[in-house]
Amino acid sequence: MKTTPTALRDLAPGIAGMALVGSSVTVSRSLVDAPLFAVQAVRYAAAALLLLALARAARVPVLRPRGREWLWLAGIAATGLVLFNVAVVRGVAHAEPAVIAVAVASVPILLGLIGPFLEGRRPSRQVMLAAPVVVAGAVLVEGTGRTDAAGVGWAVLALGCEAAFTLLAVPVLRRHGAWGVSVHAVWLGALMLAGLTAVFERPAELGSLDGTQWAAAGYLAVMVTAVAFLLWYRTVAKVGSGRAGLLTGVAPLAAAAAGVLTGGGVPGPAVWLGLVVVIAGLALGLRPGRESATAAPRPAPRPAPRTDRRAAASS
């Protein structure tokens, strides 16, 4: 059965978002020697300002969080933005990068299992059958590497944080939408990272960054944060976290492609095999059918009443 145009329209933003995330691997290499927290704080602060400007230009209301929404949004910032970066940086000190990448590539299984419960429905058998296939393909693309016990721990933490980035957004996406979740998570993350910078680093170290490093930080802020976040959360809101989770298999493919374009050489047979396996997993899990139709998330609510619009955040 062929994928309908509507399904493609809903999935396309997530595919593009994951492609941008995959491209960040190559770009981030130039920031290895840069101060971690300071650069990330600048990245997310710039992304927050850009998102607010774009939201105003598009006349999209960004509502103020209320009650428990603050906890969900702060959780996204603390895990998916701050702690994830720490886990990756600390993890590669104990394990080869492929180990961390493989752990993160396992996120479709977690999203397929947990996400539907947060959305008020049962996990999709179709998605749960496809998730291990996508993960297997991603492992072939990323390869494996050596690690110790601490490296395994950091890898597991990175996996949990990557899953939390999507799962913690489910309860607030219905009211805030992709714009609101992206804006609030990003500015909260910027504040947290600024605090870590003040405690563990010296902000003056940013002056040592060269033009290439600033360009890399700018790319991460604009394309991998502002644009990719909006694209990703839009797809999660449309198709659900379980089906959207399968699209994370696109990231390692994009990373491999970016490596080729930047002079990394032609991939070996395992990478090409992984490409085929990931595509097969996506075709299996994303094909429309009776189960995927009934598993679709409930439609988003109508626009907030006038009183909520007056409370729209301008921060």
Protein backbone atom coordinates (compact mmCIF):
# COMPACT_ATOMS: atom_id res chain seq x y z
CA MET A 1 0.00 0.00 0.00
CA LYS A 2 1.36 3.36 -0.96
CA THR A 3 1.95 6.19 1.47
CA THR A 4 -0.69 8.89 1.10
CA PRO A 5 0.30 12.50 0.31
CA THR A 6 -1.03 13.56 3.73
CA ALA A 7 1.23 11.05 5.48
CA LEU A 8 4.22 12.25 3.50
CA ARG A 9 3.38 15.85 4.35
CA ASP A 10 3.26 14.99 8.05
CA LEU A 11 6.46 12.92 7.99
CA ALA A 12 8.56 15.25 5.82
CA PRO A 13 9.31 17.81 8.57
CA GLY A 14 10.60 15.07 10.89
CA ILE A 15 12.75 13.59 8.15
CA ALA A 16 14.26 17.00 7.40
CA GLY A 17 14.78 17.68 11.11
CA MET A 18 16.64 14.41 11.64
CA ALA A 19 18.75 15.07 8.55
CA LEU A 20 19.82 18.38 10.10
CA VAL A 21 20.61 16.65 13.39
CA GLY A 22 22.74 14.11 11.55
CA SER A 23 24.66 16.87 9.80
CA SER A 24 25.57 18.35 13.18
CA VAL A 25 28.01 15.51 13.85
CA THR A 26 30.45 16.78 11.24
CA VAL A 27 29.92 20.43 12.18
CA SER A 28 30.40 19.80 15.91
CA ARG A 29 33.89 18.40 15.40
CA SER A 30 35.26 21.92 15.11
CA LEU A 31 33.98 22.67 18.63
CA VAL A 32 35.79 19.85 20.43
CA ASP A 33 38.29 22.27 22.01
CA ALA A 34 35.73 25.01 22.72
CA PRO A 35 34.22 25.55 26.21
CA LEU A 36 31.24 23.16 26.27
CA PHE A 37 28.71 24.98 28.42
CA ALA A 38 29.51 28.48 27.19
CA VAL A 39 29.18 27.60 23.51
CA GLN A 40 25.96 25.68 24.09
CA ALA A 41 24.54 28.56 26.14
CA VAL A 42 25.24 30.97 23.28
CA ARG A 43 23.79 28.49 20.80
CA TYR A 44 20.49 28.09 22.63
CA ALA A 45 20.17 31.78 23.52
CA ALA A 46 20.59 32.70 19.86
CA ALA A 47 18.11 30.01 18.84
CA ALA A 48 15.55 31.28 21.36
CA LEU A 49 15.78 34.83 20.02
CA LEU A 50 15.46 33.57 16.45
CA LEU A 51 12.44 31.42 17.30
CA LEU A 52 10.69 34.33 19.02
CA ALA A 53 11.36 36.60 16.05
CA LEU A 54 10.03 34.01 13.61
CA ALA A 55 6.98 33.35 15.75
CA ARG A 56 6.14 37.05 15.80
CA ALA A 57 6.67 37.33 12.06
CA ALA A 58 4.38 34.35 11.49
CA ARG A 59 1.89 35.69 14.06
CA VAL A 60 2.04 32.45 16.03
CA PRO A 61 1.08 32.98 19.70
CA VAL A 62 3.61 31.59 22.19
CA LEU A 63 1.61 30.92 25.34
CA ARG A 64 2.99 31.21 28.84
CA PRO A 65 3.39 27.83 30.54
CA ARG A 66 1.16 27.20 33.52
CA GLY A 67 1.21 24.75 36.40
CA ARG A 68 2.87 21.43 35.65
CA GLU A 69 3.74 22.55 32.14
CA TRP A 70 6.78 24.27 33.61
CA LEU A 71 8.01 20.90 34.87
CA TRP A 72 7.58 19.19 31.49
CA LEU A 73 9.32 22.01 29.61
CA ALA A 74 12.12 22.31 32.17
CA GLY A 75 12.54 18.54 31.94
CA ILE A 76 13.01 18.78 28.17
CA ALA A 77 15.65 21.48 28.65
CA ALA A 78 17.45 19.70 31.48
CA THR A 79 17.57 16.26 29.85
CA GLY A 80 17.31 16.68 26.09
CA LEU A 81 19.48 19.79 25.88
CA VAL A 82 21.80 20.06 28.91
CA LEU A 83 22.35 16.57 30.30
CA PHE A 84 22.46 15.00 26.85
CA ASN A 85 25.43 17.18 25.88
CA VAL A 86 27.18 16.33 29.14
CA ALA A 87 26.58 12.59 28.62
CA VAL A 88 28.00 12.68 25.10
CA VAL A 89 31.11 14.67 26.07
CA ARG A 90 31.82 12.61 29.19
CA GLY A 91 30.92 9.40 27.41
CA VAL A 92 33.48 9.75 24.64
CA ALA A 93 36.17 9.98 27.32
CA HIS A 94 35.36 6.37 28.26
CA ALA A 95 34.04 4.95 25.00
CA GLU A 96 34.55 5.35 21.29
CA PRO A 97 32.01 7.74 19.69
CA ALA A 98 30.32 4.85 17.88
CA VAL A 99 29.26 3.36 21.23
CA ILE A 100 27.41 6.54 22.20
CA ALA A 101 25.93 6.82 18.71
CA VAL A 102 24.65 3.24 18.78
CA ALA A 103 23.03 3.80 22.17
CA VAL A 104 21.27 6.94 20.95
CA ALA A 105 20.22 5.11 17.78
CA SER A 106 18.18 2.74 19.96
CA VAL A 107 15.70 5.51 20.80
CA PRO A 108 12.95 4.30 18.38
CA ILE A 109 12.31 1.33 20.67
CA LEU A 110 11.82 3.52 23.74
CA LEU A 111 9.63 6.00 21.89
CA GLY A 112 7.55 3.21 20.38
CA LEU A 113 6.98 1.63 23.79
CA ILE A 114 6.49 4.63 26.09
CA GLY A 115 5.24 7.36 23.77
CA PRO A 116 1.82 5.84 23.00
CA PHE A 117 0.99 5.49 26.71
CA LEU A 118 1.64 9.21 27.20
CA GLU A 119 -0.68 9.86 24.25
CA GLY A 120 -3.45 7.73 25.71
CA ARG A 121 -3.25 4.73 23.42
CA ARG A 122 -1.53 1.37 23.07
CA PRO A 123 1.83 0.86 21.32
CA SER A 124 1.55 0.05 17.63
CA ARG A 125 2.58 -3.49 16.73
CA GLN A 126 3.64 -2.20 13.33
CA VAL A 127 5.99 0.35 14.90
CA MET A 128 7.37 -2.12 17.44
CA LEU A 129 8.23 -4.56 14.65
CA ALA A 130 9.92 -1.84 12.61
CA ALA A 131 11.87 -0.18 15.45
CA PRO A 132 14.47 -2.99 15.90
CA VAL A 133 15.00 -3.02 12.13
CA VAL A 134 15.71 0.72 12.09
CA VAL A 135 18.03 0.34 15.10
CA ALA A 136 19.90 -2.54 13.43
CA GLY A 137 20.42 -0.45 10.31
CA ALA A 138 21.67 2.49 12.39
CA VAL A 139 24.14 0.20 14.18
CA LEU A 140 25.51 -0.97 10.85
CA VAL A 141 25.97 2.65 9.76
CA GLU A 142 27.56 3.80 13.01
CA GLY A 143 29.65 0.69 13.66
CA THR A 144 30.76 -0.41 17.11
CA GLY A 145 33.68 0.41 19.37
CA ARG A 146 35.45 -0.20 22.67
CA THR A 147 34.14 1.00 26.01
CA ASP A 148 34.36 0.46 29.75
CA ALA A 149 31.67 0.31 32.44
CA ALA A 150 31.56 4.10 32.79
CA GLY A 151 31.22 4.46 29.03
CA VAL A 152 28.23 2.12 29.04
CA GLY A 153 26.66 4.19 31.82
CA TRP A 154 27.11 7.46 29.91
CA ALA A 155 25.76 5.81 26.75
CA VAL A 156 22.61 4.66 28.57
CA LEU A 157 22.18 8.15 30.01
CA ALA A 158 22.52 9.67 26.53
CA LEU A 159 19.84 7.27 25.27
CA GLY A 160 17.49 8.24 28.10
CA CYS A 161 18.03 11.95 27.47
CA GLU A 162 17.43 11.56 23.75
CA ALA A 163 14.15 9.77 24.44
CA ALA A 164 13.14 12.36 27.06
CA PHE A 165 13.53 15.14 24.48
CA THR A 166 10.48 13.73 22.70
CA LEU A 167 8.55 11.98 25.47
CA LEU A 168 8.46 14.95 27.85
CA ALA A 169 7.05 17.10 25.06
CA VAL A 170 3.98 14.90 24.53
CA PRO A 171 1.93 16.32 27.46
CA VAL A 172 2.52 19.95 26.40
CA LEU A 173 2.41 19.70 22.61
CA ARG A 174 -1.39 19.78 22.53
CA ARG A 175 -1.60 23.25 24.08
CA HIS A 176 1.70 24.83 23.05
CA GLY A 177 2.34 23.23 19.69
CA ALA A 178 5.76 22.88 18.06
CA TRP A 179 6.45 26.63 18.34
CA GLY A 180 5.70 26.94 22.03
CA VAL A 181 7.55 23.78 23.08
CA SER A 182 10.61 24.76 21.02
CA VAL A 183 10.74 28.33 22.33
CA HIS A 184 10.32 27.48 26.00
CA ALA A 185 12.63 24.45 25.99
CA VAL A 186 15.38 26.42 24.25
CA TRP A 187 15.36 29.52 26.47
CA LEU A 188 15.16 27.37 29.60
CA GLY A 189 18.11 25.34 28.34
CA ALA A 190 20.06 28.53 27.65
CA LEU A 191 19.52 29.69 31.24
CA MET A 192 20.62 26.34 32.67
CA LEU A 193 23.75 26.29 30.52
CA ALA A 194 24.56 29.88 31.42
CA GLY A 195 24.46 28.87 35.09
CA LEU A 196 26.77 25.92 34.43
CA THR A 197 29.11 28.23 32.53
CA ALA A 198 29.34 30.57 35.50
CA VAL A 199 30.16 27.66 37.83
CA PHE A 200 32.46 25.46 35.76
CA GLU A 201 33.88 27.66 32.99
CA ARG A 202 34.98 31.18 32.26
CA PRO A 203 32.75 33.09 29.82
CA ALA A 204 35.84 34.97 28.67
CA GLU A 205 37.01 31.75 26.99
CA LEU A 206 34.51 32.45 24.23
CA GLY A 207 36.92 35.09 23.00
CA SER A 208 39.33 32.36 21.96
CA LEU A 209 36.94 30.92 19.36
CA ASP A 210 37.97 31.42 15.75
CA GLY A 211 35.76 32.15 12.76
CA THR A 212 35.21 28.50 11.90
CA GLN A 213 34.06 27.70 15.42
CA TRP A 214 31.66 30.65 15.51
CA ALA A 215 30.28 29.56 12.14
CA ALA A 216 29.74 26.06 13.52
CA ALA A 217 27.97 27.46 16.59
CA GLY A 218 25.79 29.59 14.33
CA TYR A 219 24.84 26.59 12.20
CA LEU A 220 23.92 24.62 15.31
CA ALA A 221 21.83 27.51 16.64
CA VAL A 222 19.91 28.20 13.43
CA MET A 223 19.59 24.89 11.59
CA VAL A 224 20.08 22.17 14.23
CA THR A 225 18.18 23.96 17.02
CA ALA A 226 15.65 26.53 15.80
CA VAL A 227 14.73 24.86 12.51
CA ALA A 228 15.19 21.20 13.46
CA PHE A 229 13.26 21.53 16.73
CA LEU A 230 10.26 23.05 14.97
CA LEU A 231 10.31 20.40 12.26
CA TRP A 232 10.65 17.54 14.72
CA TYR A 233 7.93 18.60 17.14
CA ARG A 234 5.59 19.30 14.26
CA THR A 235 5.87 15.70 13.11
CA VAL A 236 5.55 14.33 16.67
CA ALA A 237 2.32 16.32 17.08
CA LYS A 238 0.96 15.05 13.76
CA VAL A 239 1.85 11.35 13.73
CA GLY A 240 2.65 10.55 17.36
CA SER A 241 5.93 9.92 19.14
CA GLY A 242 6.09 6.21 18.26
CA ARG A 243 5.97 6.61 14.48
CA ALA A 244 8.06 9.77 14.61
CA GLY A 245 10.69 7.89 16.61
CA LEU A 246 11.42 5.68 13.61
CA LEU A 247 12.63 8.77 11.76
CA THR A 248 15.62 9.05 14.10
CA GLY A 249 17.15 6.40 11.86
CA VAL A 250 17.60 9.16 9.29
CA ALA A 251 20.17 10.95 11.49
CA PRO A 252 23.04 8.42 11.14
CA LEU A 253 22.41 8.24 7.39
CA ALA A 254 22.67 12.03 7.17
CA ALA A 255 25.83 11.97 9.29
CA ALA A 256 27.41 9.45 6.89
CA ALA A 257 26.39 11.55 3.89
CA ALA A 258 27.81 14.70 5.49
CA GLY A 259 31.06 12.86 6.09
CA VAL A 260 31.32 11.99 2.41
CA LEU A 261 30.58 15.57 1.34
CA THR A 262 33.29 16.91 3.66
CA GLY A 263 35.97 14.58 2.37
CA GLY A 264 35.49 11.63 4.68
CA GLY A 265 35.65 9.10 1.87
CA VAL A 266 33.16 6.64 0.42
CA PRO A 267 31.43 4.49 3.07
CA GLY A 268 32.19 0.81 3.31
CA PRO A 269 29.81 -2.10 2.60
CA ALA A 270 28.43 -2.14 6.17
CA VAL A 271 27.24 1.46 5.84
CA TRP A 272 25.50 0.74 2.54
CA LEU A 273 23.86 -2.34 4.04
CA GLY A 274 22.79 -0.22 7.02
CA LEU A 275 21.23 2.29 4.64
CA VAL A 276 19.12 -0.44 3.04
CA VAL A 277 18.09 -1.86 6.43
CA VAL A 278 17.04 1.56 7.77
CA ILE A 279 14.96 2.26 4.66
CA ALA A 280 13.34 -1.17 5.00
CA GLY A 281 12.52 -0.46 8.64
CA LEU A 282 11.01 2.92 7.78
CA ALA A 283 8.92 1.37 5.01
CA LEU A 284 7.67 -1.30 7.40
CA GLY A 285 6.81 1.06 10.24
CA LEU A 286 5.49 4.07 8.33
CA ARG A 287 3.32 2.42 5.71
CA PRO A 288 -0.31 3.44 6.19
CA GLY A 289 -2.76 0.79 7.24
CA ARG A 290 -5.61 0.06 9.58
CA GLU A 291 -3.41 -0.02 12.68
CA SER A 292 -1.51 3.18 11.89
CA ALA A 293 -4.75 4.96 11.16
CA THR A 294 -6.29 4.02 14.50
CA ALA A 295 -3.05 4.78 16.32
CA ALA A 296 -2.89 8.36 15.10
CA PRO A 297 -2.80 10.94 17.90
CA ARG A 298 -5.87 12.93 18.68
CA PRO A 299 -6.14 16.21 16.76
CA ALA A 300 -4.70 19.30 18.36
CA PRO A 301 -7.19 21.55 20.16
CA ARG A 302 -8.55 24.70 18.62
CA PRO A 303 -6.57 27.92 19.11
CA ALA A 304 -6.48 29.15 22.68
CA PRO A 305 -9.16 31.66 23.77
CA ARG A 306 -8.50 35.37 23.75
CA THR A 307 -7.50 35.41 27.41
CA ASP A 308 -4.69 32.93 26.72
CA ARG A 309 -3.53 34.93 23.72
CA ARG A 310 -3.14 38.00 25.88
CA ALA A 311 -0.88 35.96 28.11
CA ALA A 312 1.35 34.98 25.21
CA ALA A 313 4.98 35.07 26.17
CA SER A 314 7.07 37.77 24.64
CA SER A 315 10.24 36.80 26.47
